[in-house]
Amino acid sequence: MKNLLKSTVLGIALTVSATIFAQDNKANNIDNSNIALQGYSPVSYLDLNLAQIGDKNFKSEYNKINYYFTSTEQKATFDKNPIKYLPQYGGFCAFGIYAGAKFRTDPNKFIVEDGKYYLYLNNVEVDAKQLWLAKNDHAGLNEVANKNWTKLSTTHN
C-alpha cells in the first residue's frame, strides 16, 4: 500500500510538473537567450563538482549555444573538448527524462557520476534529485533515460 501511494504521489507530481516545466526545445534546455545551464559553468560541474554561475566575459559558443565560465582557464578547458562538458540529456532533468518528459532544472541540483553530470528539477512539489537517489540504481535509471532521450531529443513535448 505504501509503495502504491508513493507511486501515485510521484505520478501526480510529475504530471503537475510536466504541465508547468515541460519544455518544447528539442535537444537543449535553453530559453530564447541560447544560454546553456542558466549561465552556470559546465566546467565547474564536472571538474569541481560545484554549481558556479559563469561570467558573460568568459563565454564560448558551441552548436549555437552559449556557455559561461568562471575564468579564462575554464573557458580554455571547455574549448579544448566541449563534448566532454555538455550536460547529460541536453541539461533537462535526468529524472524527468527517465519518466519520459523534459523538465527545467534547478542548476544547484546535480550529480556527477562516471565523468558526466546530471541536472534535476527542484520545486515545492518535487525534488527530482532525491527521487533519483532514492531508487539507488544509477545504471538502471540511466539505461531507461538513455532510451527515452533518443526519442525526446528529436521531438517536441
C-alpha atoms as a PDB file:
ATOM      1  CA  MET A   1       0.000   0.000   0.000  1.00  0.00           C
ATOM      2  CA  LYS A   2       2.852   2.352   0.902  1.00  0.00           C
ATOM      3  CA  ASN A   3       4.534   1.796  -2.491  1.00  0.00           C
ATOM      4  CA  LEU A   4       1.233   2.318  -4.310  1.00  0.00           C
ATOM      5  CA  LEU A   5       0.720   5.627  -2.503  1.00  0.00           C
ATOM      6  CA  LYS A   6       4.294   6.657  -3.235  1.00  0.00           C
ATOM      7  CA  SER A   7       3.849   5.823  -6.947  1.00  0.00           C
ATOM      8  CA  THR A   8       0.568   7.738  -7.092  1.00  0.00           C
ATOM      9  CA  VAL A   9       2.100  10.813  -5.464  1.00  0.00           C
ATOM     10  CA  LEU A  10       5.077  10.629  -7.819  1.00  0.00           C
ATOM     11  CA  GLY A  11       2.758  10.319 -10.825  1.00  0.00           C
ATOM     12  CA  ILE A  12       0.713  13.337  -9.762  1.00  0.00           C
ATOM     13  CA  ALA A  13       3.811  15.386  -9.013  1.00  0.00           C
ATOM     14  CA  LEU A  14       5.384  14.560 -12.355  1.00  0.00           C
ATOM     15  CA  THR A  15       2.144  15.347 -14.204  1.00  0.00           C
ATOM     16  CA  VAL A  16       1.811  18.731 -12.495  1.00  0.00           C
ATOM     17  CA  SER A  17       5.486  19.450 -13.053  1.00  0.00           C
ATOM     18  CA  ALA A  18       5.256  18.411 -16.683  1.00  0.00           C
ATOM     19  CA  THR A  19       2.469  20.894 -17.225  1.00  0.00           C
ATOM     20  CA  ILE A  20       4.428  23.704 -15.609  1.00  0.00           C
ATOM     21  CA  PHE A  21       8.008  22.894 -16.517  1.00  0.00           C
ATOM     22  CA  ALA A  22       7.957  20.843 -19.721  1.00  0.00           C
ATOM     23  CA  GLN A  23       9.997  22.424 -22.474  1.00  0.00           C
ATOM     24  CA  ASP A  24       9.493  22.170 -26.185  1.00  0.00           C
ATOM     25  CA  ASN A  25      13.092  22.950 -27.125  1.00  0.00           C
ATOM     26  CA  LYS A  26      14.298  19.774 -28.752  1.00  0.00           C
ATOM     27  CA  ALA A  27      17.709  18.687 -27.503  1.00  0.00           C
ATOM     28  CA  ASN A  28      18.751  21.527 -25.213  1.00  0.00           C
ATOM     29  CA  ASN A  29      17.235  23.038 -22.113  1.00  0.00           C
ATOM     30  CA  ILE A  30      17.614  26.682 -23.116  1.00  0.00           C
ATOM     31  CA  ASP A  31      15.335  29.671 -23.353  1.00  0.00           C
ATOM     32  CA  ASN A  32      15.303  32.308 -26.102  1.00  0.00           C
ATOM     33  CA  SER A  33      18.671  33.648 -24.900  1.00  0.00           C
ATOM     34  CA  ASN A  34      20.502  30.482 -26.052  1.00  0.00           C
ATOM     35  CA  ILE A  35      22.428  30.466 -22.771  1.00  0.00           C
ATOM     36  CA  ALA A  36      23.047  26.944 -21.535  1.00  0.00           C
ATOM     37  CA  LEU A  37      22.710  25.863 -17.917  1.00  0.00           C
ATOM     38  CA  GLN A  38      21.083  29.152 -16.918  1.00  0.00           C
ATOM     39  CA  GLY A  39      24.562  30.680 -17.062  1.00  0.00           C
ATOM     40  CA  TYR A  40      26.266  28.134 -14.809  1.00  0.00           C
ATOM     41  CA  SER A  41      29.694  26.808 -15.775  1.00  0.00           C
ATOM     42  CA  PRO A  42      29.772  23.282 -17.219  1.00  0.00           C
ATOM     43  CA  VAL A  43      33.439  23.003 -16.229  1.00  0.00           C
ATOM     44  CA  SER A  44      32.606  23.772 -12.598  1.00  0.00           C
ATOM     45  CA  TYR A  45      30.044  20.976 -12.518  1.00  0.00           C
ATOM     46  CA  LEU A  46      32.299  18.324 -13.957  1.00  0.00           C
ATOM     47  CA  ASP A  47      35.777  19.268 -12.771  1.00  0.00           C
ATOM     48  CA  LEU A  48      34.989  20.846  -9.395  1.00  0.00           C
ATOM     49  CA  ASN A  49      31.660  19.186  -8.504  1.00  0.00           C
ATOM     50  CA  LEU A  50      30.318  22.698  -7.848  1.00  0.00           C
ATOM     51  CA  ALA A  51      27.450  24.735  -9.230  1.00  0.00           C
ATOM     52  CA  GLN A  52      29.094  28.065 -10.060  1.00  0.00           C
ATOM     53  CA  ILE A  53      27.493  30.855 -12.043  1.00  0.00           C
ATOM     54  CA  GLY A  54      29.615  31.814 -15.015  1.00  0.00           C
ATOM     55  CA  ASP A  55      30.571  35.269 -16.198  1.00  0.00           C
ATOM     56  CA  LYS A  56      29.484  36.586 -19.598  1.00  0.00           C
ATOM     57  CA  ASN A  57      33.055  37.842 -20.101  1.00  0.00           C
ATOM     58  CA  PHE A  58      34.181  34.189 -20.275  1.00  0.00           C
ATOM     59  CA  LYS A  59      31.850  32.812 -22.913  1.00  0.00           C
ATOM     60  CA  SER A  60      32.110  30.124 -25.582  1.00  0.00           C
ATOM     61  CA  GLU A  61      29.646  29.138 -28.240  1.00  0.00           C
ATOM     62  CA  TYR A  62      29.172  25.523 -29.174  1.00  0.00           C
ATOM     63  CA  ASN A  63      26.465  24.394 -31.620  1.00  0.00           C
ATOM     64  CA  LYS A  64      24.882  27.867 -31.453  1.00  0.00           C
ATOM     65  CA  ILE A  65      24.504  27.659 -27.658  1.00  0.00           C
ATOM     66  CA  ASN A  66      26.398  29.962 -25.289  1.00  0.00           C
ATOM     67  CA  TYR A  67      28.237  28.598 -22.264  1.00  0.00           C
ATOM     68  CA  TYR A  68      29.582  30.802 -19.483  1.00  0.00           C
ATOM     69  CA  PHE A  69      32.616  30.112 -17.294  1.00  0.00           C
ATOM     70  CA  THR A  70      34.184  31.477 -14.141  1.00  0.00           C
ATOM     71  CA  SER A  71      37.587  32.160 -15.709  1.00  0.00           C
ATOM     72  CA  THR A  72      39.651  32.161 -18.899  1.00  0.00           C
ATOM     73  CA  GLU A  73      41.142  28.843 -17.740  1.00  0.00           C
ATOM     74  CA  GLN A  74      37.705  27.227 -17.575  1.00  0.00           C
ATOM     75  CA  LYS A  75      36.826  28.621 -20.992  1.00  0.00           C
ATOM     76  CA  ALA A  76      40.056  27.210 -22.452  1.00  0.00           C
ATOM     77  CA  THR A  77      39.365  23.819 -20.858  1.00  0.00           C
ATOM     78  CA  PHE A  78      35.889  23.726 -22.398  1.00  0.00           C
ATOM     79  CA  ASP A  79      37.132  24.907 -25.800  1.00  0.00           C
ATOM     80  CA  LYS A  80      39.647  22.017 -25.936  1.00  0.00           C
ATOM     81  CA  ASN A  81      36.922  19.383 -25.502  1.00  0.00           C
ATOM     82  CA  PRO A  82      33.393  20.838 -25.423  1.00  0.00           C
ATOM     83  CA  ILE A  83      31.627  17.488 -25.839  1.00  0.00           C
ATOM     84  CA  LYS A  84      33.089  16.283 -22.533  1.00  0.00           C
ATOM     85  CA  TYR A  85      31.436  19.203 -20.714  1.00  0.00           C
ATOM     86  CA  LEU A  86      27.961  19.075 -22.206  1.00  0.00           C
ATOM     87  CA  PRO A  87      25.243  18.212 -19.681  1.00  0.00           C
ATOM     88  CA  GLN A  88      23.507  14.886 -19.966  1.00  0.00           C
ATOM     89  CA  TYR A  89      20.108  14.975 -21.659  1.00  0.00           C
ATOM     90  CA  GLY A  90      20.713  18.462 -23.008  1.00  0.00           C
ATOM     91  CA  GLY A  91      20.528  19.899 -19.494  1.00  0.00           C
ATOM     92  CA  PHE A  92      16.987  18.674 -18.893  1.00  0.00           C
ATOM     93  CA  CYS A  93      16.086  16.920 -15.652  1.00  0.00           C
ATOM     94  CA  ALA A  94      17.575  13.411 -15.661  1.00  0.00           C
ATOM     95  CA  PHE A  95      14.670  12.017 -13.635  1.00  0.00           C
ATOM     96  CA  GLY A  96      12.216  13.684 -15.988  1.00  0.00           C
ATOM     97  CA  ILE A  97      13.908  12.056 -18.978  1.00  0.00           C
ATOM     98  CA  TYR A  98      13.724   8.742 -17.111  1.00  0.00           C
ATOM     99  CA  ALA A  99       9.973   9.380 -16.642  1.00  0.00           C
ATOM    100  CA  GLY A 100       9.585  10.338 -20.316  1.00  0.00           C
ATOM    101  CA  ALA A 101       9.329  14.149 -20.159  1.00  0.00           C
ATOM    102  CA  LYS A 102      11.549  17.223 -20.367  1.00  0.00           C
ATOM    103  CA  PHE A 103      11.639  19.410 -17.246  1.00  0.00           C
ATOM    104  CA  ARG A 104      13.531  22.607 -16.472  1.00  0.00           C
ATOM    105  CA  THR A 105      16.159  22.164 -13.802  1.00  0.00           C
ATOM    106  CA  ASP A 106      17.482  23.871 -10.726  1.00  0.00           C
ATOM    107  CA  PRO A 107      21.166  24.485 -11.569  1.00  0.00           C
ATOM    108  CA  ASN A 108      22.088  23.739  -7.954  1.00  0.00           C
ATOM    109  CA  LYS A 109      20.594  20.232  -8.079  1.00  0.00           C
ATOM    110  CA  PHE A 110      23.033  17.965  -9.869  1.00  0.00           C
ATOM    111  CA  ILE A 111      25.035  14.751  -9.594  1.00  0.00           C
ATOM    112  CA  VAL A 112      28.425  13.962 -11.107  1.00  0.00           C
ATOM    113  CA  GLU A 113      28.743  10.270 -11.939  1.00  0.00           C
ATOM    114  CA  ASP A 114      31.101   8.365 -14.246  1.00  0.00           C
ATOM    115  CA  GLY A 115      32.619  11.528 -15.736  1.00  0.00           C
ATOM    116  CA  LYS A 116      29.235  13.069 -16.584  1.00  0.00           C
ATOM    117  CA  TYR A 117      26.870  15.408 -14.820  1.00  0.00           C
ATOM    118  CA  TYR A 118      23.113  15.237 -14.494  1.00  0.00           C
ATOM    119  CA  LEU A 119      20.760  18.082 -13.561  1.00  0.00           C
ATOM    120  CA  TYR A 120      17.431  17.837 -11.731  1.00  0.00           C
ATOM    121  CA  LEU A 121      14.112  19.594 -11.262  1.00  0.00           C
ATOM    122  CA  ASN A 122      13.538  21.033  -7.819  1.00  0.00           C
ATOM    123  CA  ASN A 123      10.400  22.903  -6.802  1.00  0.00           C
ATOM    124  CA  VAL A 124       7.883  22.928  -3.954  1.00  0.00           C
ATOM    125  CA  GLU A 125       6.374  19.661  -5.201  1.00  0.00           C
ATOM    126  CA  VAL A 126       9.309  17.632  -6.478  1.00  0.00           C
ATOM    127  CA  ASP A 127      12.969  17.185  -5.607  1.00  0.00           C
ATOM    128  CA  ALA A 128      13.899  15.011  -8.584  1.00  0.00           C
ATOM    129  CA  LYS A 129      17.485  14.540  -7.432  1.00  0.00           C
ATOM    130  CA  GLN A 130      16.216  12.857  -4.257  1.00  0.00           C
ATOM    131  CA  LEU A 131      13.851  10.692  -6.320  1.00  0.00           C
ATOM    132  CA  TRP A 132      16.795   9.600  -8.473  1.00  0.00           C
ATOM    133  CA  LEU A 133      18.970   8.872  -5.434  1.00  0.00           C
ATOM    134  CA  ALA A 134      16.145   7.040  -3.627  1.00  0.00           C
ATOM    135  CA  LYS A 135      15.981   4.498  -6.453  1.00  0.00           C
ATOM    136  CA  ASN A 136      19.644   3.660  -5.706  1.00  0.00           C
ATOM    137  CA  ASP A 137      20.137   2.350  -9.256  1.00  0.00           C
ATOM    138  CA  HIS A 138      22.063   4.909 -11.306  1.00  0.00           C
ATOM    139  CA  ALA A 139      22.853   2.428 -14.088  1.00  0.00           C
ATOM    140  CA  GLY A 140      19.260   1.214 -14.391  1.00  0.00           C
ATOM    141  CA  LEU A 141      17.832   4.734 -14.336  1.00  0.00           C
ATOM    142  CA  ASN A 142      20.378   5.792 -16.939  1.00  0.00           C
ATOM    143  CA  GLU A 143      19.509   2.882 -19.192  1.00  0.00           C
ATOM    144  CA  VAL A 144      15.831   3.874 -19.268  1.00  0.00           C
ATOM    145  CA  ALA A 145      16.628   7.592 -19.531  1.00  0.00           C
ATOM    146  CA  ASN A 146      19.010   6.998 -22.439  1.00  0.00           C
ATOM    147  CA  LYS A 147      16.306   5.112 -24.348  1.00  0.00           C
ATOM    148  CA  ASN A 148      13.785   7.874 -23.640  1.00  0.00           C
ATOM    149  CA  TRP A 149      16.290  10.579 -24.610  1.00  0.00           C
ATOM    150  CA  THR A 150      16.683   9.039 -28.064  1.00  0.00           C
ATOM    151  CA  LYS A 151      13.052   9.976 -28.749  1.00  0.00           C
ATOM    152  CA  LEU A 152      12.762  13.105 -26.593  1.00  0.00           C
ATOM    153  CA  SER A 153      15.839  14.798 -28.061  1.00  0.00           C
ATOM    154  CA  THR A 154      14.289  14.860 -31.515  1.00  0.00           C
ATOM    155  CA  THR A 155      10.651  15.615 -30.745  1.00  0.00           C
ATOM    156  CA  HIS A 156       8.677  18.370 -29.055  1.00  0.00           C
ATOM    157  CA  ASN A 157       6.798  17.578 -25.847  1.00  0.00           C
END
